[in-house]
C-alpha cells in the first residue's frame, strides 16, 4: 500500500477501510490488496499493471461499486482525472469464512 496515496480510515479484525486519493499523473509502486469492495467517488482513467506484467485500462466512474473476489498485487498510473476511492478490504474473505 502506498502511504502517499492510501490512508487507513478504519481497521479491526474483520475489515480495513482505506481511502485512496491521487491526481493526474500519479504512479503507484506495485502493492497488495486483500479481497475488497471498491467504491468510486471520483472520475478518472488509470492504467493498471498486474503482478504478471499485463496491463489494463480502467475507467473510474463516480458511484461505481466493484467487488474484487481475490487478493491481488498491482501498480497503477493515473492517466486522466482523479483517483478518489474507498476500499473495504475484507480480512475474513481470506480465511475461508
Protein backbone atom coordinates (compact mmCIF):
# COMPACT_ATOMS: atom_id res chain seq x y z
CA UNK A 1 0.00 0.00 0.00
CA UNK A 2 1.37 3.40 -1.00
CA UNK A 3 1.14 5.69 2.08
CA UNK A 4 1.27 8.82 -0.09
CA UNK A 5 -1.98 7.83 -1.86
CA UNK A 6 -3.66 5.44 0.63
CA UNK A 7 -4.95 6.45 4.06
CA UNK A 8 -6.37 3.88 6.50
CA UNK A 9 -9.68 5.29 7.78
CA UNK A 10 -10.68 2.34 9.98
CA UNK A 11 -9.36 -1.11 10.83
CA UNK A 12 -10.44 -4.00 13.04
CA UNK A 13 -10.18 -7.81 12.93
CA UNK A 14 -12.77 -8.00 10.10
CA UNK A 15 -12.05 -5.14 7.69
CA UNK A 16 -9.61 -2.41 6.76
CA UNK A 17 -11.15 0.71 5.19
CA UNK A 18 -8.79 2.74 3.02
CA UNK A 19 -9.29 5.94 1.07
CA UNK A 20 -7.09 6.26 -1.99
CA UNK A 21 -6.64 9.71 -3.49
CA UNK A 22 -4.34 10.90 -6.23
CA UNK A 23 -4.20 13.49 -9.01
CA UNK A 24 -3.46 13.21 -12.72
CA UNK A 25 -0.03 11.75 -13.44
CA UNK A 26 0.31 9.83 -10.17
CA UNK A 27 2.07 6.46 -10.37
CA UNK A 28 2.00 3.90 -7.59
CA UNK A 29 4.54 1.17 -6.93
CA UNK A 30 3.49 -2.50 -7.00
CA UNK A 31 1.49 -3.27 -3.85
CA UNK A 32 -1.02 -5.82 -2.47
CA UNK A 33 -4.68 -5.79 -1.51
CA UNK A 34 -6.92 -8.32 0.21
CA UNK A 35 -10.34 -9.20 -1.29
CA UNK A 36 -12.25 -5.94 -1.19
CA UNK A 37 -15.20 -3.79 -2.09
CA UNK A 38 -14.26 -0.68 -4.11
CA UNK A 39 -16.49 2.43 -4.09
CA UNK A 40 -15.54 5.08 -6.67
CA UNK A 41 -16.14 8.67 -5.60
CA UNK A 42 -14.17 10.46 -8.33
CA UNK A 43 -13.85 10.24 -12.09
CA UNK A 44 -10.69 9.19 -13.88
CA UNK A 45 -8.84 6.73 -16.06
CA UNK A 46 -5.92 4.64 -14.89
CA UNK A 47 -3.55 2.11 -16.36
CA UNK A 48 -3.29 -0.87 -14.02
CA UNK A 49 -0.27 -3.17 -14.18
CA UNK A 50 -0.84 -6.63 -12.67
CA UNK A 51 1.85 -8.74 -10.99
CA UNK A 52 2.31 -10.82 -14.17
CA UNK A 53 3.13 -7.66 -16.16
CA UNK A 54 -0.14 -7.41 -18.08
CA UNK A 55 -1.85 -4.03 -18.19
CA UNK A 56 -5.47 -2.91 -18.26
CA UNK A 57 -7.11 0.50 -18.75
CA UNK A 58 -9.72 1.10 -16.04
CA UNK A 59 -12.28 3.91 -16.06
CA UNK A 60 -13.26 5.20 -12.63
CA UNK A 61 -16.87 6.39 -12.59
CA UNK A 62 -18.47 8.10 -9.58
CA UNK A 63 -20.86 5.80 -7.74
CA UNK A 64 -19.50 2.59 -9.28
CA UNK A 65 -19.14 -0.26 -6.78
CA UNK A 66 -16.93 -3.27 -7.60
CA UNK A 67 -16.21 -6.46 -5.63
CA UNK A 68 -12.68 -7.91 -6.02
CA UNK A 69 -13.02 -11.61 -5.10
CA UNK A 70 -9.33 -12.46 -4.67
CA UNK A 71 -6.28 -10.82 -3.12
CA UNK A 72 -4.05 -9.26 -5.76
CA UNK A 73 -0.88 -7.27 -6.46
CA UNK A 74 -0.90 -4.27 -8.78
CA UNK A 75 0.58 -0.90 -9.65
CA UNK A 76 -1.28 1.94 -11.35
CA UNK A 77 -0.77 5.17 -13.22
CA UNK A 78 -3.45 7.86 -13.33
CA UNK A 79 -3.90 8.87 -16.98
CA UNK A 80 -6.76 11.38 -16.52
CA UNK A 81 -8.99 12.81 -13.82
CA UNK A 82 -8.52 11.77 -10.21
CA UNK A 83 -8.45 8.70 -8.03
CA UNK A 84 -10.86 9.05 -5.13
CA UNK A 85 -11.97 5.62 -3.98
CA UNK A 86 -12.90 3.95 -0.72
CA UNK A 87 -11.58 0.40 -0.42
CA UNK A 88 -13.06 -2.02 2.12
CA UNK A 89 -10.65 -4.94 2.44
CA UNK A 90 -12.43 -7.95 3.96
CA UNK A 91 -9.94 -9.82 6.13
CA UNK A 92 -12.28 -12.76 6.76
CA UNK A 93 -12.57 -13.36 3.00
CA UNK A 94 -9.05 -14.83 3.03
CA UNK A 95 -9.59 -17.38 5.83
CA UNK A 96 -12.45 -19.37 4.33
CA UNK A 97 -15.34 -17.59 6.08
